[in-house]
Amino acid sequence: AGMKPGDLSFNELSRLIGYFQAEDSPRVAAYAVRYYALLCDAMVPLIIILLAVPFAATGVRVNPAVGVTKSLGLFLVYFVLTKICYAFGAGGQVPPLWAALAPNLTMLGLGLGLFVRAR
């Protein structure tokens, strides 16, 4: 059980979570965050589509570098938000499920807002 949560498979995470819960170990949170994060990864393609469509629909008068810069900025926001949420989840300040869901739900909401505005 000395491996990092990111190095483990879905099934290994599930077994370790059960083991740590039975032992009432505080280490369960880090493994649970990674477990839920793997489940939440199914939302990522939808988020990418919702964020990409508004930039693709900006028209020909907008410099392409603007769209690339915005995309890189959004990726950076997602990356930082993910790291912060995972740290809070692993530390026990936020429930693991919400730590895994928060970055995806935030970007999903942002993507929906941009998509609706682009229409």
PDB file of N, CA and C in Angstrom:
ATOM      1  N   ALA A   1       0.820  -1.197   0.000  1.00  0.00           N
ATOM      2  CA  ALA A   1       0.000   0.000   0.000  1.00  0.00           C
ATOM      3  C   ALA A   1       0.861   1.258   0.000  1.00  0.00           C
ATOM      4  N   GLY A   2       2.135   1.130  -0.447  1.00  0.00           N
ATOM      5  CA  GLY A   2       3.009   2.274  -0.473  1.00  0.00           C
ATOM      6  C   GLY A   2       2.997   3.015  -1.790  1.00  0.00           C
ATOM      7  N   MET A   3       2.157   2.578  -2.729  1.00  0.00           N
ATOM      8  CA  MET A   3       2.120   3.223  -4.038  1.00  0.00           C
ATOM      9  C   MET A   3       1.265   4.481  -3.991  1.00  0.00           C
ATOM     10  N   LYS A   4       1.586   5.403  -4.890  1.00  0.00           N
ATOM     11  CA  LYS A   4       0.815   6.634  -5.001  1.00  0.00           C
ATOM     12  C   LYS A   4      -0.543   6.312  -5.633  1.00  0.00           C
ATOM     13  N   PRO A   5      -1.587   7.067  -5.255  1.00  0.00           N
ATOM     14  CA  PRO A   5      -2.907   6.819  -5.837  1.00  0.00           C
ATOM     15  C   PRO A   5      -2.917   6.904  -7.370  1.00  0.00           C
ATOM     16  N   GLY A   6      -2.112   7.795  -7.934  1.00  0.00           N
ATOM     17  CA  GLY A   6      -2.084   7.954  -9.386  1.00  0.00           C
ATOM     18  C   GLY A   6      -1.457   6.794 -10.119  1.00  0.00           C
ATOM     19  N   ASP A   7      -0.740   5.926  -9.414  1.00  0.00           N
ATOM     20  CA  ASP A   7      -0.075   4.778 -10.029  1.00  0.00           C
ATOM     21  C   ASP A   7      -0.934   3.527 -10.034  1.00  0.00           C
ATOM     22  N   LEU A   8      -2.097   3.589  -9.411  1.00  0.00           N
ATOM     23  CA  LEU A   8      -2.925   2.398  -9.227  1.00  0.00           C
ATOM     24  C   LEU A   8      -4.065   2.331 -10.232  1.00  0.00           C
ATOM     25  N   SER A   9      -4.483   1.117 -10.526  1.00  0.00           N
ATOM     26  CA  SER A   9      -5.627   0.915 -11.423  1.00  0.00           C
ATOM     27  C   SER A   9      -6.919   1.142 -10.650  1.00  0.00           C
ATOM     28  N   PHE A  10      -7.996   1.185 -11.393  1.00  0.00           N
ATOM     29  CA  PHE A  10      -9.316   1.391 -10.806  1.00  0.00           C
ATOM     30  C   PHE A  10      -9.624   0.298  -9.779  1.00  0.00           C
ATOM     31  N   ASN A  11      -9.368  -0.971 -10.143  1.00  0.00           N
ATOM     32  CA  ASN A  11      -9.645  -2.093  -9.234  1.00  0.00           C
ATOM     33  C   ASN A  11      -8.737  -2.069  -8.011  1.00  0.00           C
ATOM     34  N   GLU A  12      -7.479  -1.713  -8.201  1.00  0.00           N
ATOM     35  CA  GLU A  12      -6.565  -1.621  -7.059  1.00  0.00           C
ATOM     36  C   GLU A  12      -7.009  -0.527  -6.101  1.00  0.00           C
ATOM     37  N   LEU A  13      -7.444   0.589  -6.650  1.00  0.00           N
ATOM     38  CA  LEU A  13      -7.947   1.681  -5.810  1.00  0.00           C
ATOM     39  C   LEU A  13      -9.152   1.228  -5.010  1.00  0.00           C
ATOM     40  N   SER A  14     -10.054   0.512  -5.661  1.00  0.00           N
ATOM     41  CA  SER A  14     -11.260   0.036  -4.994  1.00  0.00           C
ATOM     42  C   SER A  14     -10.910  -0.885  -3.818  1.00  0.00           C
ATOM     43  N   ARG A  15      -9.966  -1.793  -4.038  1.00  0.00           N
ATOM     44  CA  ARG A  15      -9.557  -2.710  -2.964  1.00  0.00           C
ATOM     45  C   ARG A  15      -8.878  -1.956  -1.815  1.00  0.00           C
ATOM     46  N   LEU A  16      -8.006  -1.007  -2.155  1.00  0.00           N
ATOM     47  CA  LEU A  16      -7.319  -0.245  -1.105  1.00  0.00           C
ATOM     48  C   LEU A  16      -8.283   0.621  -0.307  1.00  0.00           C
ATOM     49  N   ILE A  17      -9.255   1.187  -0.978  1.00  0.00           N
ATOM     50  CA  ILE A  17     -10.251   2.000  -0.270  1.00  0.00           C
ATOM     51  C   ILE A  17     -10.985   1.135   0.740  1.00  0.00           C
ATOM     52  N   GLY A  18     -11.396  -0.049   0.317  1.00  0.00           N
ATOM     53  CA  GLY A  18     -12.060  -0.975   1.243  1.00  0.00           C
ATOM     54  C   GLY A  18     -11.170  -1.348   2.418  1.00  0.00           C
ATOM     55  N   TYR A  19      -9.904  -1.593   2.145  1.00  0.00           N
ATOM     56  CA  TYR A  19      -8.949  -1.946   3.198  1.00  0.00           C
ATOM     57  C   TYR A  19      -8.761  -0.790   4.176  1.00  0.00           C
ATOM     58  N   PHE A  20      -8.528   0.410   3.646  1.00  0.00           N
ATOM     59  CA  PHE A  20      -8.296   1.562   4.518  1.00  0.00           C
ATOM     60  C   PHE A  20      -9.549   1.945   5.296  1.00  0.00           C
ATOM     61  N   GLN A  21     -10.727   1.747   4.714  1.00  0.00           N
ATOM     62  CA  GLN A  21     -11.959   2.029   5.446  1.00  0.00           C
ATOM     63  C   GLN A  21     -12.121   1.050   6.602  1.00  0.00           C
ATOM     64  N   ALA A  22     -11.789  -0.232   6.375  1.00  0.00           N
ATOM     65  CA  ALA A  22     -11.884  -1.234   7.432  1.00  0.00           C
ATOM     66  C   ALA A  22     -10.900  -0.936   8.557  1.00  0.00           C
ATOM     67  N   GLU A  23      -9.752  -0.391   8.212  1.00  0.00           N
ATOM     68  CA  GLU A  23      -8.730  -0.029   9.201  1.00  0.00           C
ATOM     69  C   GLU A  23      -8.998   1.348   9.820  1.00  0.00           C
ATOM     70  N   ASP A  24      -9.982   2.063   9.287  1.00  0.00           N
ATOM     71  CA  ASP A  24     -10.312   3.427   9.711  1.00  0.00           C
ATOM     72  C   ASP A  24      -9.086   4.345   9.586  1.00  0.00           C
ATOM     73  N   SER A  25      -8.415   4.212   8.443  1.00  0.00           N
ATOM     74  CA  SER A  25      -7.194   4.967   8.184  1.00  0.00           C
ATOM     75  C   SER A  25      -7.501   6.314   7.527  1.00  0.00           C
ATOM     76  N   PRO A  26      -6.760   7.358   7.886  1.00  0.00           N
ATOM     77  CA  PRO A  26      -6.950   8.651   7.227  1.00  0.00           C
ATOM     78  C   PRO A  26      -6.433   8.648   5.782  1.00  0.00           C
ATOM     79  N   ARG A  27      -5.668   7.623   5.399  1.00  0.00           N
ATOM     80  CA  ARG A  27      -5.129   7.533   4.044  1.00  0.00           C
ATOM     81  C   ARG A  27      -6.210   7.235   3.009  1.00  0.00           C
ATOM     82  N   VAL A  28      -7.386   6.841   3.460  1.00  0.00           N
ATOM     83  CA  VAL A  28      -8.455   6.479   2.524  1.00  0.00           C
ATOM     84  C   VAL A  28      -8.838   7.661   1.638  1.00  0.00           C
ATOM     85  N   ALA A  29      -8.754   8.872   2.138  1.00  0.00           N
ATOM     86  CA  ALA A  29      -9.205  10.056   1.388  1.00  0.00           C
ATOM     87  C   ALA A  29      -8.429  10.236   0.093  1.00  0.00           C
ATOM     88  N   ALA A  30      -7.113  10.095   0.123  1.00  0.00           N
ATOM     89  CA  ALA A  30      -6.295  10.288  -1.084  1.00  0.00           C
ATOM     90  C   ALA A  30      -6.646   9.268  -2.154  1.00  0.00           C
ATOM     91  N   TYR A  31      -6.868   8.028  -1.742  1.00  0.00           N
ATOM     92  CA  TYR A  31      -7.213   6.980  -2.700  1.00  0.00           C
ATOM     93  C   TYR A  31      -8.640   7.149  -3.214  1.00  0.00           C
ATOM     94  N   ALA A  32      -9.535   7.624  -2.346  1.00  0.00           N
ATOM     95  CA  ALA A  32     -10.919   7.846  -2.760  1.00  0.00           C
ATOM     96  C   ALA A  32     -11.015   8.996  -3.767  1.00  0.00           C
ATOM     97  N   VAL A  33     -10.222  10.051  -3.562  1.00  0.00           N
ATOM     98  CA  VAL A  33     -10.229  11.172  -4.518  1.00  0.00           C
ATOM     99  C   VAL A  33      -9.805  10.674  -5.895  1.00  0.00           C
ATOM    100  N   ARG A  34      -8.739   9.887  -5.947  1.00  0.00           N
ATOM    101  CA  ARG A  34      -8.264   9.357  -7.237  1.00  0.00           C
ATOM    102  C   ARG A  34      -9.295   8.423  -7.861  1.00  0.00           C
ATOM    103  N   TYR A  35      -9.948   7.602  -7.051  1.00  0.00           N
ATOM    104  CA  TYR A  35     -10.990   6.692  -7.525  1.00  0.00           C
ATOM    105  C   TYR A  35     -12.136   7.474  -8.178  1.00  0.00           C
ATOM    106  N   TYR A  36     -12.625   8.490  -7.481  1.00  0.00           N
ATOM    107  CA  TYR A  36     -13.717   9.300  -8.026  1.00  0.00           C
ATOM    108  C   TYR A  36     -13.262  10.129  -9.221  1.00  0.00           C
ATOM    109  N   ALA A  37     -12.009  10.554  -9.205  1.00  0.00           N
ATOM    110  CA  ALA A  37     -11.484  11.314 -10.342  1.00  0.00           C
ATOM    111  C   ALA A  37     -11.491  10.460 -11.616  1.00  0.00           C
ATOM    112  N   LEU A  38     -11.160   9.192 -11.483  1.00  0.00           N
ATOM    113  CA  LEU A  38     -11.213   8.298 -12.646  1.00  0.00           C
ATOM    114  C   LEU A  38     -12.646   8.170 -13.174  1.00  0.00           C
ATOM    115  N   LEU A  39     -13.605   8.116 -12.269  1.00  0.00           N
ATOM    116  CA  LEU A  39     -15.012   8.060 -12.691  1.00  0.00           C
ATOM    117  C   LEU A  39     -15.428   9.366 -13.372  1.00  0.00           C
ATOM    118  N   CYS A  40     -14.957  10.482 -12.853  1.00  0.00           N
ATOM    119  CA  CYS A  40     -15.330  11.790 -13.393  1.00  0.00           C
ATOM    120  C   CYS A  40     -14.652  12.096 -14.726  1.00  0.00           C
ATOM    121  N   ASP A  41     -13.592  11.372 -15.053  1.00  0.00           N
ATOM    122  CA  ASP A  41     -12.895  11.605 -16.317  1.00  0.00           C
ATOM    123  C   ASP A  41     -13.788  11.389 -17.529  1.00  0.00           C
ATOM    124  N   ALA A  42     -14.904  10.711 -17.353  1.00  0.00           N
ATOM    125  CA  ALA A  42     -15.840  10.512 -18.462  1.00  0.00           C
ATOM    126  C   ALA A  42     -16.450  11.834 -18.924  1.00  0.00           C
ATOM    127  N   MET A  43     -16.452  12.843 -18.067  1.00  0.00           N
ATOM    128  CA  MET A  43     -17.018  14.153 -18.417  1.00  0.00           C
ATOM    129  C   MET A  43     -16.064  15.008 -19.250  1.00  0.00           C
ATOM    130  N   VAL A  44     -14.792  14.685 -19.251  1.00  0.00           N
ATOM    131  CA  VAL A  44     -13.785  15.532 -19.883  1.00  0.00           C
ATOM    132  C   VAL A  44     -14.042  15.764 -21.378  1.00  0.00           C
ATOM    133  N   PRO A  45     -14.385  14.733 -22.177  1.00  0.00           N
ATOM    134  CA  PRO A  45     -14.664  15.017 -23.602  1.00  0.00           C
ATOM    135  C   PRO A  45     -15.806  16.018 -23.805  1.00  0.00           C
ATOM    136  N   LEU A  46     -16.846  15.930 -22.996  1.00  0.00           N
ATOM    137  CA  LEU A  46     -17.959  16.876 -23.100  1.00  0.00           C
ATOM    138  C   LEU A  46     -17.481  18.285 -22.754  1.00  0.00           C
ATOM    139  N   ILE A  47     -16.658  18.413 -21.738  1.00  0.00           N
ATOM    140  CA  ILE A  47     -16.118  19.715 -21.354  1.00  0.00           C
ATOM    141  C   ILE A  47     -15.287  20.290 -22.499  1.00  0.00           C
ATOM    142  N   ILE A  48     -14.461  19.462 -23.106  1.00  0.00           N
ATOM    143  CA  ILE A  48     -13.612  19.920 -24.212  1.00  0.00           C
ATOM    144  C   ILE A  48     -14.473  20.409 -25.370  1.00  0.00           C
ATOM    145  N   ILE A  49     -15.514  19.677 -25.690  1.00  0.00           N
ATOM    146  CA  ILE A  49     -16.405  20.079 -26.790  1.00  0.00           C
ATOM    147  C   ILE A  49     -17.090  21.402 -26.461  1.00  0.00           C
ATOM    148  N   LEU A  50     -17.595  21.524 -25.230  1.00  0.00           N
ATOM    149  CA  LEU A  50     -18.296  22.750 -24.849  1.00  0.00           C
ATOM    150  C   LEU A  50     -17.377  23.961 -24.836  1.00  0.00           C
ATOM    151  N   LEU A  51     -16.105  23.742 -24.545  1.00  0.00           N
ATOM    152  CA  LEU A  51     -15.165  24.853 -24.553  1.00  0.00           C
ATOM    153  C   LEU A  51     -14.635  25.142 -25.951  1.00  0.00           C
ATOM    154  N   ALA A  52     -14.556  24.136 -26.798  1.00  0.00           N
ATOM    155  CA  ALA A  52     -13.986  24.316 -28.134  1.00  0.00           C
ATOM    156  C   ALA A  52     -14.957  24.988 -29.100  1.00  0.00           C
ATOM    157  N   VAL A  53     -16.238  24.672 -29.019  1.00  0.00           N
ATOM    158  CA  VAL A  53     -17.215  25.208 -29.967  1.00  0.00           C
ATOM    159  C   VAL A  53     -17.267  26.734 -29.950  1.00  0.00           C
ATOM    160  N   PRO A  54     -17.326  27.398 -28.784  1.00  0.00           N
ATOM    161  CA  PRO A  54     -17.353  28.866 -28.814  1.00  0.00           C
ATOM    162  C   PRO A  54     -16.116  29.483 -29.470  1.00  0.00           C
ATOM    163  N   PHE A  55     -14.953  28.866 -29.291  1.00  0.00           N
ATOM    164  CA  PHE A  55     -13.745  29.403 -29.903  1.00  0.00           C
ATOM    165  C   PHE A  55     -13.721  29.150 -31.406  1.00  0.00           C
ATOM    166  N   ALA A  56     -14.297  28.032 -31.835  1.00  0.00           N
ATOM    167  CA  ALA A  56     -14.354  27.728 -33.264  1.00  0.00           C
ATOM    168  C   ALA A  56     -15.369  28.617 -33.976  1.00  0.00           C
ATOM    169  N   ALA A  57     -16.354  29.102 -33.236  1.00  0.00           N
ATOM    170  CA  ALA A  57     -17.419  29.909 -33.827  1.00  0.00           C
ATOM    171  C   ALA A  57     -17.166  31.412 -33.710  1.00  0.00           C
ATOM    172  N   THR A  58     -15.941  31.818 -33.388  1.00  0.00           N
ATOM    173  CA  THR A  58     -15.689  33.247 -33.187  1.00  0.00           C
ATOM    174  C   THR A  58     -15.666  34.035 -34.486  1.00  0.00           C
ATOM    175  N   GLY A  59     -15.478  33.354 -35.602  1.00  0.00           N
ATOM    176  CA  GLY A  59     -15.473  34.063 -36.878  1.00  0.00           C
ATOM    177  C   GLY A  59     -14.079  34.286 -37.411  1.00  0.00           C
ATOM    178  N   VAL A  60     -14.001  34.846 -38.621  1.00  0.00           N
ATOM    179  CA  VAL A  60     -12.718  35.016 -39.286  1.00  0.00           C
ATOM    180  C   VAL A  60     -12.014  36.318 -38.915  1.00  0.00           C
ATOM    181  N   ARG A  61     -12.722  37.247 -38.322  1.00  0.00           N
ATOM    182  CA  ARG A  61     -12.124  38.553 -37.995  1.00  0.00           C
ATOM    183  C   ARG A  61     -11.295  38.520 -36.720  1.00  0.00           C
ATOM    184  N   VAL A  62     -11.418  37.459 -35.951  1.00  0.00           N
ATOM    185  CA  VAL A  62     -10.683  37.357 -34.702  1.00  0.00           C
ATOM    186  C   VAL A  62      -9.352  36.661 -34.960  1.00  0.00           C
ATOM    187  N   ASN A  63      -8.301  37.211 -34.403  1.00  0.00           N
ATOM    188  CA  ASN A  63      -6.973  36.627 -34.536  1.00  0.00           C
ATOM    189  C   ASN A  63      -6.969  35.221 -33.919  1.00  0.00           C
ATOM    190  N   PRO A  64      -6.486  34.205 -34.628  1.00  0.00           N
ATOM    191  CA  PRO A  64      -6.470  32.832 -34.081  1.00  0.00           C
ATOM    192  C   PRO A  64      -5.671  32.713 -32.784  1.00  0.00           C
ATOM    193  N   ALA A  65      -4.699  33.571 -32.593  1.00  0.00           N
ATOM    194  CA  ALA A  65      -3.900  33.526 -31.364  1.00  0.00           C
ATOM    195  C   ALA A  65      -4.749  33.812 -30.130  1.00  0.00           C
ATOM    196  N   VAL A  66      -5.817  34.586 -30.302  1.00  0.00           N
ATOM    197  CA  VAL A  66      -6.702  34.896 -29.175  1.00  0.00           C
ATOM    198  C   VAL A  66      -7.370  33.619 -28.673  1.00  0.00           C
ATOM    199  N   GLY A  67      -7.884  32.814 -29.598  1.00  0.00           N
ATOM    200  CA  GLY A  67      -8.522  31.547 -29.223  1.00  0.00           C
ATOM    201  C   GLY A  67      -7.555  30.585 -28.580  1.00  0.00           C
ATOM    202  N   VAL A  68      -6.337  30.518 -29.118  1.00  0.00           N
ATOM    203  CA  VAL A  68      -5.316  29.629 -28.551  1.00  0.00           C
ATOM    204  C   VAL A  68      -4.947  30.083 -27.141  1.00  0.00           C
ATOM    205  N   THR A  69      -4.798  31.380 -26.959  1.00  0.00           N
ATOM    206  CA  THR A  69      -4.455  31.919 -25.643  1.00  0.00           C
ATOM    207  C   THR A  69      -5.561  31.641 -24.630  1.00  0.00           C
ATOM    208  N   LYS A  70      -6.807  31.839 -25.041  1.00  0.00           N
ATOM    209  CA  LYS A  70      -7.932  31.550 -24.144  1.00  0.00           C
ATOM    210  C   LYS A  70      -7.980  30.067 -23.798  1.00  0.00           C
ATOM    211  N   SER A  71      -7.737  29.208 -24.774  1.00  0.00           N
ATOM    212  CA  SER A  71      -7.746  27.768 -24.528  1.00  0.00           C
ATOM    213  C   SER A  71      -6.646  27.372 -23.544  1.00  0.00           C
ATOM    214  N   LEU A  72      -5.461  27.910 -23.727  1.00  0.00           N
ATOM    215  CA  LEU A  72      -4.365  27.617 -22.802  1.00  0.00           C
ATOM    216  C   LEU A  72      -4.672  28.143 -21.397  1.00  0.00           C
ATOM    217  N   GLY A  73      -5.276  29.313 -21.337  1.00  0.00           N
ATOM    218  CA  GLY A  73      -5.670  29.866 -20.047  1.00  0.00           C
ATOM    219  C   GLY A  73      -6.694  28.998 -19.337  1.00  0.00           C
ATOM    220  N   LEU A  74      -7.680  28.512 -20.083  1.00  0.00           N
ATOM    221  CA  LEU A  74      -8.695  27.641 -19.500  1.00  0.00           C
ATOM    222  C   LEU A  74      -8.087  26.323 -19.038  1.00  0.00           C
ATOM    223  N   PHE A  75      -7.139  25.799 -19.813  1.00  0.00           N
ATOM    224  CA  PHE A  75      -6.467  24.576 -19.389  1.00  0.00           C
ATOM    225  C   PHE A  75      -5.706  24.813 -18.093  1.00  0.00           C
ATOM    226  N   LEU A  76      -5.027  25.936 -17.995  1.00  0.00           N
ATOM    227  CA  LEU A  76      -4.278  26.257 -16.787  1.00  0.00           C
ATOM    228  C   LEU A  76      -5.222  26.384 -15.586  1.00  0.00           C
ATOM    229  N   VAL A  77      -6.353  27.040 -15.784  1.00  0.00           N
ATOM    230  CA  VAL A  77      -7.350  27.170 -14.710  1.00  0.00           C
ATOM    231  C   VAL A  77      -7.826  25.783 -14.270  1.00  0.00           C
ATOM    232  N   TYR A  78      -8.127  24.915 -15.226  1.00  0.00           N
ATOM    233  CA  TYR A  78      -8.586  23.560 -14.915  1.00  0.00           C
ATOM    234  C   TYR A  78      -7.511  22.789 -14.159  1.00  0.00           C
ATOM    235  N   PHE A  79      -6.275  22.888 -14.616  1.00  0.00           N
ATOM    236  CA  PHE A  79      -5.169  22.172 -13.990  1.00  0.00           C
ATOM    237  C   PHE A  79      -4.975  22.617 -12.543  1.00  0.00           C
ATOM    238  N   VAL A  80      -4.934  23.922 -12.318  1.00  0.00           N
ATOM    239  CA  VAL A  80      -4.732  24.454 -10.967  1.00  0.00           C
ATOM    240  C   VAL A  80      -5.915  24.107 -10.066  1.00  0.00           C
ATOM    241  N   LEU A  81      -7.112  24.252 -10.581  1.00  0.00           N
ATOM    242  CA  LEU A  81      -8.314  23.914  -9.819  1.00  0.00           C
ATOM    243  C   LEU A  81      -8.318  22.439  -9.437  1.00  0.00           C
ATOM    244  N   THR A  82      -7.917  21.586 -10.371  1.00  0.00           N
ATOM    245  CA  THR A  82      -7.853  20.151 -10.097  1.00  0.00           C
ATOM    246  C   THR A  82      -6.856  19.853  -8.985  1.00  0.00           C
ATOM    247  N   LYS A  83      -5.666  20.428  -9.070  1.00  0.00           N
ATOM    248  CA  LYS A  83      -4.649  20.184  -8.046  1.00  0.00           C
ATOM    249  C   LYS A  83      -5.093  20.676  -6.670  1.00  0.00           C
ATOM    250  N   ILE A  84      -5.728  21.838  -6.630  1.00  0.00           N
ATOM    251  CA  ILE A  84      -6.198  22.381  -5.356  1.00  0.00           C
ATOM    252  C   ILE A  84      -7.296  21.502  -4.762  1.00  0.00           C
ATOM    253  N   CYS A  85      -8.257  21.138  -5.589  1.00  0.00           N
ATOM    254  CA  CYS A  85      -9.367  20.306  -5.104  1.00  0.00           C
ATOM    255  C   CYS A  85      -8.879  18.940  -4.637  1.00  0.00           C
ATOM    256  N   TYR A  86      -7.967  18.330  -5.389  1.00  0.00           N
ATOM    257  CA  TYR A  86      -7.435  17.028  -5.002  1.00  0.00           C
ATOM    258  C   TYR A  86      -6.670  17.123  -3.682  1.00  0.00           C
ATOM    259  N   ALA A  87      -5.926  18.213  -3.496  1.00  0.00           N
ATOM    260  CA  ALA A  87      -5.178  18.391  -2.246  1.00  0.00           C
ATOM    261  C   ALA A  87      -6.138  18.529  -1.063  1.00  0.00           C
ATOM    262  N   PHE A  88      -7.195  19.306  -1.233  1.00  0.00           N
ATOM    263  CA  PHE A  88      -8.181  19.451  -0.160  1.00  0.00           C
ATOM    264  C   PHE A  88      -8.916  18.134   0.096  1.00  0.00           C
ATOM    265  N   GLY A  89      -9.199  17.390  -0.960  1.00  0.00           N
ATOM    266  CA  GLY A  89      -9.860  16.098  -0.789  1.00  0.00           C
ATOM    267  C   GLY A  89      -8.972  15.095  -0.094  1.00  0.00           C
ATOM    268  N   ALA A  90      -7.712  15.024  -0.485  1.00  0.00           N
ATOM    269  CA  ALA A  90      -6.775  14.087   0.137  1.00  0.00           C
ATOM    270  C   ALA A  90      -6.496  14.464   1.584  1.00  0.00           C
ATOM    271  N   GLY A  91      -6.567  15.750   1.884  1.00  0.00           N
ATOM    272  CA  GLY A  91      -6.344  16.220   3.253  1.00  0.00           C
ATOM    273  C   GLY A  91      -7.554  16.081   4.150  1.00  0.00           C
ATOM    274  N   GLY A  92      -8.695  15.756   3.571  1.00  0.00           N
ATOM    275  CA  GLY A  92      -9.902  15.561   4.366  1.00  0.00           C
ATOM    276  C   GLY A  92     -10.729  16.809   4.587  1.00  0.00           C
ATOM    277  N   GLN A  93     -10.331  17.946   3.994  1.00  0.00           N
ATOM    278  CA  GLN A  93     -11.107  19.178   4.173  1.00  0.00           C
ATOM    279  C   GLN A  93     -12.370  19.173   3.314  1.00  0.00           C
ATOM    280  N   VAL A  94     -12.351  18.421   2.214  1.00  0.00           N
ATOM    281  CA  VAL A  94     -13.483  18.322   1.300  1.00  0.00           C
ATOM    282  C   VAL A  94     -13.755  16.833   1.093  1.00  0.00           C
ATOM    283  N   PRO A  95     -15.019  16.405   1.048  1.00  0.00           N
ATOM    284  CA  PRO A  95     -15.289  14.994   0.760  1.00  0.00           C
ATOM    285  C   PRO A  95     -14.664  14.589  -0.585  1.00  0.00           C
ATOM    286  N   PRO A  96     -14.094  13.386  -0.663  1.00  0.00           N
ATOM    287  CA  PRO A  96     -13.404  12.952  -1.887  1.00  0.00           C
ATOM    288  C   PRO A  96     -14.243  13.060  -3.158  1.00  0.00           C
ATOM    289  N   LEU A  97     -15.514  12.723  -3.087  1.00  0.00           N
ATOM    290  CA  LEU A  97     -16.368  12.804  -4.282  1.00  0.00           C
ATOM    291  C   LEU A  97     -16.452  14.240  -4.782  1.00  0.00           C
ATOM    292  N   TRP A  98     -16.638  15.186  -3.878  1.00  0.00           N
ATOM    293  CA  TRP A  98     -16.741  16.593  -4.287  1.00  0.00           C
ATOM    294  C   TRP A  98     -15.407  17.151  -4.754  1.00  0.00           C
ATOM    295  N   ALA A  99     -14.319  16.655  -4.171  1.00  0.00           N
ATOM    296  CA  ALA A  99     -12.996  17.082  -4.617  1.00  0.00           C
ATOM    297  C   ALA A  99     -12.754  16.650  -6.059  1.00  0.00           C
ATOM    298  N   ALA A 100     -13.249  15.479  -6.418  1.00  0.00           N
ATOM    299  CA  ALA A 100     -13.084  14.984  -7.791  1.00  0.00           C
ATOM    300  C   ALA A 100     -14.062  15.649  -8.747  1.00  0.00           C
ATOM    301  N   LEU A 101     -15.256  15.946  -8.275  1.00  0.00           N
ATOM    302  CA  LEU A 101     -16.292  16.533  -9.136  1.00  0.00           C
ATOM    303  C   LEU A 101     -16.127  18.034  -9.370  1.00  0.00           C
ATOM    304  N   ALA A 102     -15.639  18.753  -8.387  1.00  0.00           N
ATOM    305  CA  ALA A 102     -15.615  20.219  -8.446  1.00  0.00           C
ATOM    306  C   ALA A 102     -14.921  20.784  -9.683  1.00  0.00           C
ATOM    307  N   PRO A 103     -13.722  20.329 -10.050  1.00  0.00           N
ATOM    308  CA  PRO A 103     -13.090  20.911 -11.248  1.00  0.00           C
ATOM    309  C   PRO A 103     -13.887  20.644 -12.523  1.00  0.00           C
ATOM    310  N   ASN A 104     -14.421  19.434 -12.633  1.00  0.00           N
ATOM    311  CA  ASN A 104     -15.189  19.092 -13.829  1.00  0.00           C
ATOM    312  C   ASN A 104     -16.515  19.853 -13.889  1.00  0.00           C
ATOM    313  N   LEU A 105     -17.184  19.965 -12.754  1.00  0.00           N
ATOM    314  CA  LEU A 105     -18.450  20.704 -12.740  1.00  0.00           C
ATOM    315  C   LEU A 105     -18.221  22.190 -13.009  1.00  0.00           C
ATOM    316  N   THR A 106     -17.133  22.735 -12.480  1.00  0.00           N
ATOM    317  CA  THR A 106     -16.814  24.138 -12.726  1.00  0.00           C
ATOM    318  C   THR A 106     -16.575  24.395 -14.206  1.00  0.00           C
ATOM    319  N   MET A 107     -15.757  23.544 -14.832  1.00  0.00           N
ATOM    320  CA  MET A 107     -15.457  23.723 -16.257  1.00  0.00           C
ATOM    321  C   MET A 107     -16.671  23.391 -17.120  1.00  0.00           C
ATOM    322  N   LEU A 108     -17.493  22.441 -16.689  1.00  0.00           N
ATOM    323  CA  LEU A 108     -18.722  22.130 -17.411  1.00  0.00           C
ATOM    324  C   LEU A 108     -19.656  23.334 -17.397  1.00  0.00           C
ATOM    325  N   GLY A 109     -19.802  23.974 -16.235  1.00  0.00           N
ATOM    326  CA  GLY A 109     -20.627  25.178 -16.137  1.00  0.00           C
ATOM    327  C   GLY A 109     -20.078  26.310 -16.991  1.00  0.00           C
ATOM    328  N   LEU A 110     -18.768  26.498 -16.959  1.00  0.00           N
ATOM    329  CA  LEU A 110     -18.138  27.529 -17.780  1.00  0.00           C
ATOM    330  C   LEU A 110     -18.339  27.228 -19.264  1.00  0.00           C
ATOM    331  N   GLY A 111     -18.155  25.964 -19.637  1.00  0.00           N
ATOM    332  CA  GLY A 111     -18.346  25.565 -21.033  1.00  0.00           C
ATOM    333  C   GLY A 111     -19.771  25.758 -21.493  1.00  0.00           C
ATOM    334  N   LEU A 112     -20.734  25.408 -20.651  1.00  0.00           N
ATOM    335  CA  LEU A 112     -22.148  25.613 -21.013  1.00  0.00           C
ATOM    336  C   LEU A 112     -22.452  27.098 -21.176  1.00  0.00           C
ATOM    337  N   GLY A 113     -21.911  27.908 -20.273  1.00  0.00           N
ATOM    338  CA  GLY A 113     -22.114  29.352 -20.372  1.00  0.00           C
ATOM    339  C   GLY A 113     -21.536  29.922 -21.656  1.00  0.00           C
ATOM    340  N   LEU A 114     -20.334  29.523 -22.029  1.00  0.00           N
ATOM    341  CA  LEU A 114     -19.717  29.982 -23.266  1.00  0.00           C
ATOM    342  C   LEU A 114     -20.464  29.468 -24.481  1.00  0.00           C
ATOM    343  N   PHE A 115     -20.922  28.226 -24.407  1.00  0.00           N
ATOM    344  CA  PHE A 115     -21.659  27.628 -25.526  1.00  0.00           C
ATOM    345  C   PHE A 115     -22.967  28.374 -25.772  1.00  0.00           C
ATOM    346  N   VAL A 116     -23.686  28.656 -24.705  1.00  0.00           N
ATOM    347  CA  VAL A 116     -24.968  29.378 -24.836  1.00  0.00           C
ATOM    348  C   VAL A 116     -24.726  30.785 -25.351  1.00  0.00           C
ATOM    349  N   ARG A 117     -23.681  31.430 -24.863  1.00  0.00           N
ATOM    350  CA  ARG A 117     -23.366  32.790 -25.307  1.00  0.00           C
ATOM    351  C   ARG A 117     -22.937  32.834 -26.761  1.00  0.00           C
ATOM    352  N   ALA A 118     -22.279  31.781 -27.247  1.00  0.00           N
ATOM    353  CA  ALA A 118     -21.807  31.740 -28.632  1.00  0.00           C
ATOM    354  C   ALA A 118     -22.953  31.524 -29.616  1.00  0.00           C
ATOM    355  N   ARG A 119     -24.048  30.947 -29.154  1.00  0.00           N
ATOM    356  CA  ARG A 119     -25.180  30.688 -30.041  1.00  0.00           C
ATOM    357  C   ARG A 119     -25.858  31.962 -30.312  1.00  0.00           C
TER     358      ARG A 119
END
